[in-house]
Amino acid sequence: MMDLSGVQQIQARIAEIEGQFSLQNQQLPGMDFAAKLQREIDKNTASAAGKANATQRVQETNAAHQSVGVAQEGLANPDLARMIHTAAAKYAVDPKLVSAVAEVESGGDQNAVSSAGAVGIMQLMPETAAGLGVNPYDMKSNVEGGAKYLREMLDTFDGDVKKAVAAYNAGPDAVKAYGGVPPYAETQNYVTSVLDIYH
């Protein structure tokens, strides 16, 4: 804490001079210094308290993620973590893989819509969602559809996670045509990003 005794001595001297020269009602340079200083001190104290609260919220969110048992690389929503865990269990997919796909696809944002028209957390194309029997505009249904589609891709490629992830992005036909990750920069970057988070 700053020592304000020097400021108080100056204020007292200013008050003394004001009295001598009848200047009480005039605004002199520096007269509002103490008030400004106090405002800055209060602001810094409030800012520090805000940062402490933000840190605590992050810690609470992380604890919630760990309690669900899902690797939450950047997905800061405990409800989403539970949805991912439930959907992954339903379709026997590693929740960490579903979480990694959700992170790369949308950053966990249900409102995300791609230029191609893919919707929601798992970025499902409306026709894909229809084929999976899910509503892509409903968060829980979107996550479930993504987990179900990952299960289908894992089954199509005999459990090969890399091929399944590539197929999630580029479609199974492209992966079959190239016998692995297609030579598209977008798909190759996508597969790398998902697997980096997953492993």
N, C-alpha and C. Protein backbone atom coordinates (compact mmCIF):
# COMPACT_ATOMS: atom_id res chain seq x y z
N MET A 1 0.85 -1.20 0.00
CA MET A 1 0.00 0.00 0.00
C MET A 1 0.88 1.24 0.00
N MET A 2 0.52 2.23 -0.79
CA MET A 2 1.30 3.47 -0.86
C MET A 2 1.14 4.29 0.40
N ASP A 3 2.20 4.99 0.78
CA ASP A 3 2.15 5.90 1.91
C ASP A 3 1.60 7.23 1.42
N LEU A 4 0.42 7.60 1.88
CA LEU A 4 -0.23 8.82 1.42
C LEU A 4 0.01 10.01 2.36
N SER A 5 0.88 9.81 3.38
CA SER A 5 1.09 10.89 4.35
C SER A 5 1.67 12.13 3.69
N GLY A 6 2.55 11.93 2.69
CA GLY A 6 3.12 13.08 1.98
C GLY A 6 2.05 13.85 1.24
N VAL A 7 1.12 13.11 0.62
CA VAL A 7 0.01 13.75 -0.10
C VAL A 7 -0.85 14.55 0.88
N GLN A 8 -1.09 13.96 2.05
CA GLN A 8 -1.91 14.64 3.06
C GLN A 8 -1.23 15.93 3.54
N GLN A 9 0.08 15.91 3.69
CA GLN A 9 0.82 17.12 4.10
C GLN A 9 0.68 18.21 3.03
N ILE A 10 0.77 17.80 1.76
CA ILE A 10 0.63 18.78 0.66
C ILE A 10 -0.78 19.35 0.67
N GLN A 11 -1.79 18.46 0.85
CA GLN A 11 -3.17 18.94 0.90
C GLN A 11 -3.37 19.95 2.03
N ALA A 12 -2.77 19.66 3.17
CA ALA A 12 -2.89 20.57 4.32
C ALA A 12 -2.25 21.92 3.99
N ARG A 13 -1.11 21.88 3.33
CA ARG A 13 -0.42 23.13 2.97
C ARG A 13 -1.25 23.92 1.95
N ILE A 14 -1.86 23.19 0.97
CA ILE A 14 -2.72 23.87 -0.01
C ILE A 14 -3.90 24.53 0.70
N ALA A 15 -4.50 23.82 1.64
CA ALA A 15 -5.63 24.37 2.40
C ALA A 15 -5.21 25.63 3.15
N GLU A 16 -3.99 25.59 3.69
CA GLU A 16 -3.46 26.75 4.42
C GLU A 16 -3.30 27.95 3.48
N ILE A 17 -2.73 27.68 2.28
CA ILE A 17 -2.54 28.76 1.30
C ILE A 17 -3.90 29.28 0.84
N GLU A 18 -4.85 28.36 0.61
CA GLU A 18 -6.19 28.78 0.20
C GLU A 18 -6.79 29.74 1.22
N GLY A 19 -6.60 29.40 2.51
CA GLY A 19 -7.14 30.24 3.57
C GLY A 19 -6.52 31.63 3.55
N GLN A 20 -5.20 31.69 3.34
CA GLN A 20 -4.50 32.98 3.32
C GLN A 20 -4.98 33.86 2.17
N PHE A 21 -5.23 33.24 1.02
CA PHE A 21 -5.54 34.02 -0.18
C PHE A 21 -7.01 33.90 -0.62
N SER A 22 -7.84 33.33 0.24
CA SER A 22 -9.27 33.16 -0.07
C SER A 22 -9.50 32.46 -1.41
N LEU A 23 -8.85 31.31 -1.59
CA LEU A 23 -8.92 30.58 -2.86
C LEU A 23 -9.77 29.30 -2.77
N GLN A 24 -10.53 29.12 -1.68
CA GLN A 24 -11.23 27.85 -1.47
C GLN A 24 -12.08 27.41 -2.65
N ASN A 25 -12.70 28.33 -3.33
CA ASN A 25 -13.63 27.96 -4.39
C ASN A 25 -12.99 27.86 -5.76
N GLN A 26 -11.70 28.09 -5.83
CA GLN A 26 -11.03 28.02 -7.13
C GLN A 26 -10.34 26.66 -7.28
N GLN A 27 -10.31 26.16 -8.50
CA GLN A 27 -9.66 24.87 -8.78
C GLN A 27 -8.19 25.13 -9.10
N LEU A 28 -7.31 24.68 -8.24
CA LEU A 28 -5.88 24.87 -8.47
C LEU A 28 -5.28 23.60 -9.06
N PRO A 29 -4.21 23.74 -9.86
CA PRO A 29 -3.57 22.54 -10.43
C PRO A 29 -3.12 21.60 -9.31
N GLY A 30 -3.43 20.32 -9.50
CA GLY A 30 -2.97 19.29 -8.55
C GLY A 30 -3.90 19.07 -7.38
N MET A 31 -4.96 19.91 -7.24
CA MET A 31 -5.83 19.76 -6.07
C MET A 31 -6.59 18.43 -6.08
N ASP A 32 -6.86 17.90 -7.28
CA ASP A 32 -7.61 16.64 -7.34
C ASP A 32 -6.71 15.42 -7.40
N PHE A 33 -5.41 15.64 -7.15
CA PHE A 33 -4.45 14.53 -7.26
C PHE A 33 -4.80 13.38 -6.31
N ALA A 34 -5.07 13.72 -5.04
CA ALA A 34 -5.35 12.66 -4.05
C ALA A 34 -6.58 11.85 -4.45
N ALA A 35 -7.62 12.56 -4.93
CA ALA A 35 -8.85 11.85 -5.34
C ALA A 35 -8.57 10.94 -6.52
N LYS A 36 -7.78 11.44 -7.50
CA LYS A 36 -7.43 10.62 -8.67
C LYS A 36 -6.62 9.39 -8.24
N LEU A 37 -5.67 9.64 -7.33
CA LEU A 37 -4.82 8.55 -6.85
C LEU A 37 -5.67 7.48 -6.18
N GLN A 38 -6.62 7.92 -5.34
CA GLN A 38 -7.47 6.96 -4.64
C GLN A 38 -8.32 6.16 -5.64
N ARG A 39 -8.82 6.84 -6.70
CA ARG A 39 -9.60 6.14 -7.72
C ARG A 39 -8.76 5.06 -8.41
N GLU A 40 -7.51 5.40 -8.72
CA GLU A 40 -6.61 4.42 -9.37
C GLU A 40 -6.34 3.23 -8.45
N ILE A 41 -6.12 3.54 -7.16
CA ILE A 41 -5.87 2.45 -6.19
C ILE A 41 -7.09 1.54 -6.11
N ASP A 42 -8.29 2.16 -6.05
CA ASP A 42 -9.52 1.37 -5.99
C ASP A 42 -9.70 0.52 -7.24
N LYS A 43 -9.38 1.13 -8.40
CA LYS A 43 -9.52 0.43 -9.68
C LYS A 43 -8.60 -0.79 -9.73
N ASN A 44 -7.33 -0.59 -9.30
CA ASN A 44 -6.35 -1.69 -9.31
C ASN A 44 -6.76 -2.80 -8.36
N THR A 45 -7.31 -2.41 -7.21
CA THR A 45 -7.77 -3.41 -6.24
C THR A 45 -8.92 -4.23 -6.83
N ALA A 46 -9.87 -3.52 -7.49
CA ALA A 46 -11.01 -4.21 -8.11
C ALA A 46 -10.54 -5.12 -9.24
N SER A 47 -9.56 -4.65 -10.02
CA SER A 47 -9.03 -5.44 -11.14
C SER A 47 -8.38 -6.72 -10.62
N ALA A 48 -7.60 -6.59 -9.55
CA ALA A 48 -6.92 -7.76 -8.97
C ALA A 48 -7.96 -8.76 -8.45
N ALA A 49 -9.02 -8.24 -7.83
CA ALA A 49 -10.08 -9.12 -7.32
C ALA A 49 -10.78 -9.82 -8.48
N GLY A 50 -11.01 -9.09 -9.59
CA GLY A 50 -11.64 -9.68 -10.77
C GLY A 50 -10.81 -10.80 -11.35
N LYS A 51 -9.48 -10.57 -11.40
CA LYS A 51 -8.58 -11.61 -11.93
C LYS A 51 -8.60 -12.84 -11.04
N ALA A 52 -8.63 -12.62 -9.73
CA ALA A 52 -8.66 -13.76 -8.80
C ALA A 52 -9.94 -14.56 -8.99
N ASN A 53 -11.08 -13.85 -9.18
CA ASN A 53 -12.36 -14.54 -9.41
C ASN A 53 -12.33 -15.32 -10.72
N ALA A 54 -11.74 -14.72 -11.76
CA ALA A 54 -11.66 -15.40 -13.07
C ALA A 54 -10.83 -16.68 -12.94
N THR A 55 -9.71 -16.58 -12.21
CA THR A 55 -8.84 -17.75 -12.00
C THR A 55 -9.61 -18.84 -11.27
N GLN A 56 -10.38 -18.43 -10.25
CA GLN A 56 -11.16 -19.41 -9.50
C GLN A 56 -12.20 -20.09 -10.39
N ARG A 57 -12.86 -19.29 -11.27
CA ARG A 57 -13.86 -19.87 -12.18
C ARG A 57 -13.22 -20.89 -13.11
N VAL A 58 -12.03 -20.58 -13.62
CA VAL A 58 -11.32 -21.51 -14.51
C VAL A 58 -10.99 -22.79 -13.76
N GLN A 59 -10.53 -22.65 -12.49
CA GLN A 59 -10.20 -23.84 -11.70
C GLN A 59 -11.44 -24.70 -11.45
N GLU A 60 -12.58 -24.02 -11.17
CA GLU A 60 -13.82 -24.77 -10.94
C GLU A 60 -14.26 -25.50 -12.20
N THR A 61 -14.13 -24.83 -13.35
CA THR A 61 -14.50 -25.45 -14.62
C THR A 61 -13.62 -26.66 -14.91
N ASN A 62 -12.30 -26.50 -14.66
CA ASN A 62 -11.37 -27.61 -14.89
C ASN A 62 -11.71 -28.79 -13.98
N ALA A 63 -12.07 -28.50 -12.73
CA ALA A 63 -12.42 -29.57 -11.81
C ALA A 63 -13.67 -30.30 -12.30
N ALA A 64 -14.63 -29.53 -12.83
CA ALA A 64 -15.85 -30.15 -13.37
C ALA A 64 -15.52 -31.05 -14.55
N HIS A 65 -14.60 -30.59 -15.40
CA HIS A 65 -14.20 -31.41 -16.56
C HIS A 65 -13.57 -32.71 -16.10
N GLN A 66 -12.66 -32.61 -15.11
CA GLN A 66 -11.97 -33.81 -14.65
C GLN A 66 -12.95 -34.79 -14.02
N SER A 67 -13.97 -34.24 -13.33
CA SER A 67 -14.93 -35.14 -12.69
C SER A 67 -15.74 -35.92 -13.72
N VAL A 68 -15.90 -35.36 -14.91
CA VAL A 68 -16.62 -36.07 -15.96
C VAL A 68 -15.71 -37.11 -16.62
N GLY A 69 -14.41 -36.91 -16.52
CA GLY A 69 -13.46 -37.88 -17.06
C GLY A 69 -13.23 -37.72 -18.55
N VAL A 70 -13.39 -36.52 -19.08
CA VAL A 70 -13.17 -36.26 -20.50
C VAL A 70 -12.00 -35.30 -20.64
N ALA A 71 -11.13 -35.54 -21.61
CA ALA A 71 -10.03 -34.60 -21.86
C ALA A 71 -10.63 -33.34 -22.47
N GLN A 72 -10.59 -32.24 -21.75
CA GLN A 72 -11.26 -31.03 -22.22
C GLN A 72 -10.24 -30.05 -22.78
N GLU A 73 -9.70 -30.30 -23.90
CA GLU A 73 -8.74 -29.39 -24.51
C GLU A 73 -9.45 -28.15 -25.01
N GLY A 74 -9.66 -27.19 -24.12
CA GLY A 74 -10.25 -25.93 -24.55
C GLY A 74 -11.77 -25.91 -24.50
N LEU A 75 -12.44 -27.02 -24.23
CA LEU A 75 -13.89 -27.01 -24.15
C LEU A 75 -14.29 -26.62 -22.73
N ALA A 76 -14.68 -25.36 -22.57
CA ALA A 76 -14.90 -24.82 -21.23
C ALA A 76 -16.37 -24.83 -20.83
N ASN A 77 -17.06 -25.94 -21.04
CA ASN A 77 -18.47 -26.01 -20.71
C ASN A 77 -18.76 -27.37 -20.08
N PRO A 78 -19.00 -27.39 -18.76
CA PRO A 78 -19.23 -28.68 -18.09
C PRO A 78 -20.42 -29.45 -18.65
N ASP A 79 -21.49 -28.72 -19.08
CA ASP A 79 -22.66 -29.39 -19.67
C ASP A 79 -22.26 -30.11 -20.95
N LEU A 80 -21.44 -29.44 -21.77
CA LEU A 80 -20.96 -30.05 -23.00
C LEU A 80 -20.11 -31.28 -22.68
N ALA A 81 -19.28 -31.17 -21.68
CA ALA A 81 -18.43 -32.31 -21.28
C ALA A 81 -19.29 -33.53 -20.93
N ARG A 82 -20.38 -33.27 -20.20
CA ARG A 82 -21.28 -34.39 -19.83
C ARG A 82 -21.96 -34.98 -21.07
N MET A 83 -22.38 -34.10 -21.98
CA MET A 83 -23.03 -34.58 -23.22
C MET A 83 -22.07 -35.45 -24.03
N ILE A 84 -20.82 -34.98 -24.13
CA ILE A 84 -19.80 -35.74 -24.87
C ILE A 84 -19.59 -37.10 -24.22
N HIS A 85 -19.48 -37.11 -22.91
CA HIS A 85 -19.25 -38.36 -22.18
C HIS A 85 -20.40 -39.35 -22.40
N THR A 86 -21.63 -38.82 -22.30
CA THR A 86 -22.81 -39.67 -22.47
C THR A 86 -22.91 -40.23 -23.89
N ALA A 87 -22.71 -39.34 -24.89
CA ALA A 87 -22.81 -39.77 -26.29
C ALA A 87 -21.69 -40.76 -26.63
N ALA A 88 -20.49 -40.49 -26.12
CA ALA A 88 -19.35 -41.39 -26.38
C ALA A 88 -19.62 -42.78 -25.80
N ALA A 89 -20.18 -42.81 -24.60
CA ALA A 89 -20.48 -44.10 -23.96
C ALA A 89 -21.56 -44.85 -24.76
N LYS A 90 -22.56 -44.10 -25.24
CA LYS A 90 -23.65 -44.72 -25.99
C LYS A 90 -23.16 -45.41 -27.26
N TYR A 91 -22.17 -44.79 -27.93
CA TYR A 91 -21.68 -45.36 -29.20
C TYR A 91 -20.30 -46.00 -29.09
N ALA A 92 -19.86 -46.22 -27.85
CA ALA A 92 -18.58 -46.89 -27.59
C ALA A 92 -17.41 -46.23 -28.34
N VAL A 93 -17.35 -44.91 -28.21
CA VAL A 93 -16.24 -44.13 -28.78
C VAL A 93 -15.50 -43.50 -27.61
N ASP A 94 -14.18 -43.39 -27.71
CA ASP A 94 -13.40 -42.75 -26.65
C ASP A 94 -13.87 -41.30 -26.50
N PRO A 95 -14.31 -40.89 -25.30
CA PRO A 95 -14.78 -39.52 -25.13
C PRO A 95 -13.70 -38.47 -25.46
N LYS A 96 -12.44 -38.86 -25.28
CA LYS A 96 -11.35 -37.93 -25.62
C LYS A 96 -11.34 -37.66 -27.13
N LEU A 97 -11.69 -38.66 -27.93
CA LEU A 97 -11.72 -38.48 -29.38
C LEU A 97 -12.89 -37.57 -29.78
N VAL A 98 -14.06 -37.80 -29.19
CA VAL A 98 -15.22 -36.94 -29.47
C VAL A 98 -14.91 -35.50 -29.07
N SER A 99 -14.28 -35.35 -27.91
CA SER A 99 -13.91 -34.02 -27.41
C SER A 99 -12.92 -33.33 -28.34
N ALA A 100 -11.94 -34.09 -28.83
CA ALA A 100 -10.93 -33.53 -29.74
C ALA A 100 -11.57 -33.07 -31.05
N VAL A 101 -12.48 -33.87 -31.57
CA VAL A 101 -13.18 -33.49 -32.81
C VAL A 101 -14.02 -32.24 -32.58
N ALA A 102 -14.73 -32.19 -31.45
CA ALA A 102 -15.56 -31.02 -31.12
C ALA A 102 -14.71 -29.76 -31.03
N GLU A 103 -13.54 -29.89 -30.42
CA GLU A 103 -12.65 -28.73 -30.26
C GLU A 103 -12.17 -28.21 -31.62
N VAL A 104 -11.74 -29.12 -32.48
CA VAL A 104 -11.21 -28.70 -33.80
C VAL A 104 -12.34 -28.23 -34.71
N GLU A 105 -13.47 -28.89 -34.64
CA GLU A 105 -14.59 -28.54 -35.52
C GLU A 105 -15.15 -27.15 -35.22
N SER A 106 -15.39 -26.87 -33.93
CA SER A 106 -16.13 -25.64 -33.59
C SER A 106 -15.63 -24.91 -32.37
N GLY A 107 -14.61 -25.47 -31.69
CA GLY A 107 -14.21 -24.88 -30.42
C GLY A 107 -15.29 -25.05 -29.36
N GLY A 108 -16.19 -26.02 -29.58
CA GLY A 108 -17.26 -26.27 -28.63
C GLY A 108 -18.42 -25.30 -28.75
N ASP A 109 -18.56 -24.65 -29.91
CA ASP A 109 -19.60 -23.63 -30.10
C ASP A 109 -20.77 -24.20 -30.90
N GLN A 110 -21.93 -24.35 -30.24
CA GLN A 110 -23.12 -24.89 -30.90
C GLN A 110 -23.64 -23.94 -31.98
N ASN A 111 -23.29 -22.65 -31.88
CA ASN A 111 -23.77 -21.66 -32.86
C ASN A 111 -22.90 -21.59 -34.12
N ALA A 112 -21.82 -22.36 -34.15
CA ALA A 112 -20.92 -22.31 -35.31
C ALA A 112 -21.60 -22.89 -36.55
N VAL A 113 -21.44 -22.18 -37.67
CA VAL A 113 -21.94 -22.66 -38.96
C VAL A 113 -20.83 -22.42 -39.98
N SER A 114 -20.41 -23.47 -40.69
CA SER A 114 -19.32 -23.32 -41.66
C SER A 114 -19.83 -22.74 -42.97
N SER A 115 -18.89 -22.31 -43.80
CA SER A 115 -19.27 -21.76 -45.11
C SER A 115 -19.96 -22.83 -45.97
N ALA A 116 -19.65 -24.10 -45.69
CA ALA A 116 -20.27 -25.19 -46.45
C ALA A 116 -21.66 -25.56 -45.90
N GLY A 117 -22.00 -24.99 -44.72
CA GLY A 117 -23.31 -25.26 -44.15
C GLY A 117 -23.32 -26.26 -43.01
N ALA A 118 -22.12 -26.70 -42.55
CA ALA A 118 -22.05 -27.62 -41.41
C ALA A 118 -22.45 -26.86 -40.15
N VAL A 119 -23.15 -27.57 -39.26
CA VAL A 119 -23.81 -26.92 -38.13
C VAL A 119 -23.33 -27.46 -36.78
N GLY A 120 -23.17 -26.54 -35.83
CA GLY A 120 -23.03 -26.91 -34.43
C GLY A 120 -21.67 -27.42 -33.99
N ILE A 121 -21.66 -27.93 -32.77
CA ILE A 121 -20.43 -28.37 -32.10
C ILE A 121 -19.66 -29.38 -32.94
N MET A 122 -20.36 -30.37 -33.49
CA MET A 122 -19.69 -31.42 -34.25
C MET A 122 -19.69 -31.13 -35.76
N GLN A 123 -20.18 -29.93 -36.13
CA GLN A 123 -20.19 -29.48 -37.53
C GLN A 123 -20.79 -30.53 -38.47
N LEU A 124 -22.03 -30.87 -38.20
CA LEU A 124 -22.74 -31.86 -39.02
C LEU A 124 -23.40 -31.17 -40.20
N MET A 125 -23.23 -31.75 -41.38
CA MET A 125 -23.99 -31.27 -42.55
C MET A 125 -25.44 -31.70 -42.32
N PRO A 126 -26.41 -30.85 -42.69
CA PRO A 126 -27.82 -31.22 -42.45
C PRO A 126 -28.21 -32.58 -43.01
N GLU A 127 -27.68 -32.91 -44.22
CA GLU A 127 -28.04 -34.23 -44.80
C GLU A 127 -27.41 -35.39 -44.02
N THR A 128 -26.18 -35.16 -43.51
CA THR A 128 -25.53 -36.19 -42.68
C THR A 128 -26.34 -36.38 -41.40
N ALA A 129 -26.73 -35.25 -40.79
CA ALA A 129 -27.52 -35.32 -39.55
C ALA A 129 -28.83 -36.07 -39.79
N ALA A 130 -29.47 -35.79 -40.93
CA ALA A 130 -30.73 -36.48 -41.25
C ALA A 130 -30.49 -37.98 -41.36
N GLY A 131 -29.39 -38.36 -42.01
CA GLY A 131 -29.05 -39.78 -42.14
C GLY A 131 -28.76 -40.44 -40.80
N LEU A 132 -28.27 -39.63 -39.85
CA LEU A 132 -27.96 -40.16 -38.51
C LEU A 132 -29.18 -40.12 -37.60
N GLY A 133 -30.24 -39.46 -38.09
CA GLY A 133 -31.47 -39.36 -37.29
C GLY A 133 -31.36 -38.38 -36.14
N VAL A 134 -30.56 -37.31 -36.33
CA VAL A 134 -30.40 -36.32 -35.25
C VAL A 134 -30.73 -34.92 -35.76
N ASN A 135 -31.03 -34.03 -34.82
CA ASN A 135 -31.29 -32.63 -35.14
C ASN A 135 -29.99 -31.85 -34.89
N PRO A 136 -29.33 -31.37 -35.95
CA PRO A 136 -28.04 -30.72 -35.76
C PRO A 136 -28.13 -29.39 -35.01
N TYR A 137 -29.35 -28.82 -34.93
CA TYR A 137 -29.53 -27.52 -34.27
C TYR A 137 -29.75 -27.65 -32.76
N ASP A 138 -29.89 -28.89 -32.29
CA ASP A 138 -30.01 -29.14 -30.86
C ASP A 138 -28.65 -29.63 -30.35
N MET A 139 -28.14 -28.97 -29.33
CA MET A 139 -26.77 -29.24 -28.85
C MET A 139 -26.54 -30.72 -28.50
N LYS A 140 -27.43 -31.27 -27.68
CA LYS A 140 -27.28 -32.67 -27.24
C LYS A 140 -27.36 -33.61 -28.44
N SER A 141 -28.31 -33.36 -29.33
CA SER A 141 -28.51 -34.18 -30.51
C SER A 141 -27.31 -34.06 -31.46
N ASN A 142 -26.75 -32.85 -31.56
CA ASN A 142 -25.59 -32.60 -32.42
C ASN A 142 -24.39 -33.42 -31.94
N VAL A 143 -24.15 -33.38 -30.64
CA VAL A 143 -23.02 -34.14 -30.06
C VAL A 143 -23.24 -35.64 -30.27
N GLU A 144 -24.48 -36.07 -30.06
CA GLU A 144 -24.79 -37.49 -30.24
C GLU A 144 -24.57 -37.91 -31.70
N GLY A 145 -24.99 -37.05 -32.63
CA GLY A 145 -24.79 -37.35 -34.05
C GLY A 145 -23.32 -37.45 -34.40
N GLY A 146 -22.52 -36.55 -33.84
CA GLY A 146 -21.07 -36.59 -34.11
C GLY A 146 -20.43 -37.87 -33.58
N ALA A 147 -20.84 -38.27 -32.36
CA ALA A 147 -20.29 -39.50 -31.77
C ALA A 147 -20.72 -40.72 -32.59
N LYS A 148 -21.98 -40.72 -33.04
CA LYS A 148 -22.50 -41.84 -33.85
C LYS A 148 -21.76 -41.93 -35.19
N TYR A 149 -21.52 -40.76 -35.79
CA TYR A 149 -20.80 -40.74 -37.08
C TYR A 149 -19.36 -41.20 -36.91
N LEU A 150 -18.73 -40.79 -35.81
CA LEU A 150 -17.36 -41.27 -35.53
C LEU A 150 -17.36 -42.79 -35.38
N ARG A 151 -18.37 -43.33 -34.69
CA ARG A 151 -18.47 -44.79 -34.53
C ARG A 151 -18.57 -45.47 -35.90
N GLU A 152 -19.41 -44.89 -36.79
CA GLU A 152 -19.57 -45.46 -38.14
C GLU A 152 -18.24 -45.42 -38.90
N MET A 153 -17.51 -44.31 -38.77
CA MET A 153 -16.22 -44.19 -39.48
C MET A 153 -15.18 -45.16 -38.89
N LEU A 154 -15.20 -45.32 -37.57
CA LEU A 154 -14.27 -46.28 -36.95
C LEU A 154 -14.59 -47.70 -37.41
N ASP A 155 -15.88 -48.01 -37.52
CA ASP A 155 -16.28 -49.35 -37.99
C ASP A 155 -15.90 -49.54 -39.46
N THR A 156 -16.09 -48.49 -40.27
CA THR A 156 -15.77 -48.56 -41.70
C THR A 156 -14.28 -48.81 -41.93
N PHE A 157 -13.45 -48.23 -41.06
CA PHE A 157 -11.99 -48.34 -41.24
C PHE A 157 -11.33 -49.21 -40.17
N ASP A 158 -12.07 -50.22 -39.71
CA ASP A 158 -11.53 -51.24 -38.79
C ASP A 158 -10.84 -50.64 -37.57
N GLY A 159 -11.43 -49.60 -37.02
CA GLY A 159 -10.89 -49.02 -35.79
C GLY A 159 -9.69 -48.11 -35.99
N ASP A 160 -9.32 -47.84 -37.24
CA ASP A 160 -8.17 -46.96 -37.52
C ASP A 160 -8.60 -45.50 -37.24
N VAL A 161 -8.11 -44.96 -36.13
CA VAL A 161 -8.54 -43.63 -35.69
C VAL A 161 -8.16 -42.55 -36.71
N LYS A 162 -6.96 -42.66 -37.24
CA LYS A 162 -6.49 -41.65 -38.20
C LYS A 162 -7.39 -41.60 -39.44
N LYS A 163 -7.71 -42.77 -39.98
CA LYS A 163 -8.58 -42.84 -41.16
C LYS A 163 -10.00 -42.38 -40.82
N ALA A 164 -10.47 -42.76 -39.62
CA ALA A 164 -11.82 -42.37 -39.19
C ALA A 164 -11.93 -40.85 -39.07
N VAL A 165 -10.90 -40.24 -38.51
CA VAL A 165 -10.89 -38.77 -38.35
C VAL A 165 -10.81 -38.10 -39.72
N ALA A 166 -10.00 -38.65 -40.60
CA ALA A 166 -9.91 -38.11 -41.97
C ALA A 166 -11.26 -38.22 -42.67
N ALA A 167 -11.95 -39.36 -42.47
CA ALA A 167 -13.26 -39.57 -43.09
C ALA A 167 -14.30 -38.63 -42.51
N TYR A 168 -14.17 -38.31 -41.24
CA TYR A 168 -15.10 -37.36 -40.60
C TYR A 168 -15.01 -36.01 -41.32
N ASN A 169 -13.80 -35.67 -41.76
CA ASN A 169 -13.59 -34.37 -42.43
C ASN A 169 -13.86 -34.43 -43.93
N ALA A 170 -13.30 -35.43 -44.58
CA ALA A 170 -13.33 -35.45 -46.06
C ALA A 170 -14.36 -36.42 -46.63
N GLY A 171 -14.94 -37.25 -45.77
CA GLY A 171 -15.89 -38.27 -46.24
C GLY A 171 -15.19 -39.61 -46.43
N PRO A 172 -15.88 -40.71 -46.18
CA PRO A 172 -15.27 -42.03 -46.28
C PRO A 172 -14.81 -42.39 -47.69
N ASP A 173 -15.52 -41.91 -48.71
CA ASP A 173 -15.14 -42.26 -50.08
C ASP A 173 -13.75 -41.72 -50.43
N ALA A 174 -13.45 -40.51 -49.99
CA ALA A 174 -12.13 -39.92 -50.28
C ALA A 174 -11.02 -40.72 -49.59
N VAL A 175 -11.28 -41.14 -48.36
CA VAL A 175 -10.28 -41.92 -47.62
C VAL A 175 -10.06 -43.28 -48.30
N LYS A 176 -11.15 -43.90 -48.75
CA LYS A 176 -11.03 -45.18 -49.46
C LYS A 176 -10.29 -44.99 -50.78
N ALA A 177 -10.60 -43.92 -51.49
CA ALA A 177 -9.97 -43.67 -52.80
C ALA A 177 -8.46 -43.51 -52.68
N TYR A 178 -8.02 -42.88 -51.59
CA TYR A 178 -6.58 -42.64 -51.42
C TYR A 178 -5.92 -43.65 -50.49
N GLY A 179 -6.69 -44.57 -49.94
CA GLY A 179 -6.13 -45.59 -49.06
C GLY A 179 -5.58 -45.00 -47.77
N GLY A 180 -6.12 -43.89 -47.34
CA GLY A 180 -5.65 -43.22 -46.13
C GLY A 180 -6.07 -41.76 -46.16
N VAL A 181 -5.33 -40.92 -45.42
CA VAL A 181 -5.66 -39.49 -45.37
C VAL A 181 -5.50 -38.89 -46.76
N PRO A 182 -6.55 -38.29 -47.31
CA PRO A 182 -6.44 -37.70 -48.65
C PRO A 182 -5.41 -36.56 -48.68
N PRO A 183 -4.85 -36.29 -49.83
CA PRO A 183 -3.80 -35.26 -49.92
C PRO A 183 -4.36 -33.83 -50.00
N TYR A 184 -5.39 -33.57 -49.19
CA TYR A 184 -5.94 -32.22 -49.13
C TYR A 184 -5.33 -31.54 -47.91
N ALA A 185 -4.83 -30.32 -48.10
CA ALA A 185 -4.19 -29.60 -46.99
C ALA A 185 -5.15 -29.47 -45.80
N GLU A 186 -6.39 -29.14 -46.10
CA GLU A 186 -7.36 -28.94 -45.01
C GLU A 186 -7.54 -30.22 -44.19
N THR A 187 -7.70 -31.35 -44.89
CA THR A 187 -7.91 -32.62 -44.18
C THR A 187 -6.66 -33.04 -43.42
N GLN A 188 -5.49 -32.85 -44.03
CA GLN A 188 -4.25 -33.23 -43.35
C GLN A 188 -4.05 -32.39 -42.09
N ASN A 189 -4.31 -31.09 -42.17
CA ASN A 189 -4.20 -30.21 -41.00
C ASN A 189 -5.23 -30.59 -39.94
N TYR A 190 -6.41 -30.93 -40.40
CA TYR A 190 -7.50 -31.32 -39.50
C TYR A 190 -7.11 -32.58 -38.71
N VAL A 191 -6.64 -33.59 -39.43
CA VAL A 191 -6.26 -34.85 -38.78
C VAL A 191 -5.15 -34.60 -37.77
N THR A 192 -4.15 -33.81 -38.15
CA THR A 192 -3.04 -33.50 -37.24
C THR A 192 -3.55 -32.80 -35.99
N SER A 193 -4.43 -31.81 -36.16
CA SER A 193 -4.96 -31.05 -35.02
C SER A 193 -5.76 -31.94 -34.08
N VAL A 194 -6.63 -32.79 -34.64
CA VAL A 194 -7.45 -33.67 -33.80
C VAL A 194 -6.57 -34.67 -33.04
N LEU A 195 -5.63 -35.27 -33.74
CA LEU A 195 -4.78 -36.29 -33.10
C LEU A 195 -3.84 -35.67 -32.07
N ASP A 196 -3.41 -34.43 -32.29
CA ASP A 196 -2.57 -33.74 -31.30
C ASP A 196 -3.33 -33.57 -29.98
N ILE A 197 -4.60 -33.22 -30.09
CA ILE A 197 -5.42 -33.04 -28.88
C ILE A 197 -5.75 -34.40 -28.25
N TYR A 198 -6.03 -35.37 -29.12
CA TYR A 198 -6.47 -36.70 -28.65
C TYR A 198 -5.37 -37.44 -27.90
N HIS A 199 -4.12 -37.33 -28.38
CA HIS A 199 -3.03 -38.12 -27.77
C HIS A 199 -2.45 -37.44 -26.56
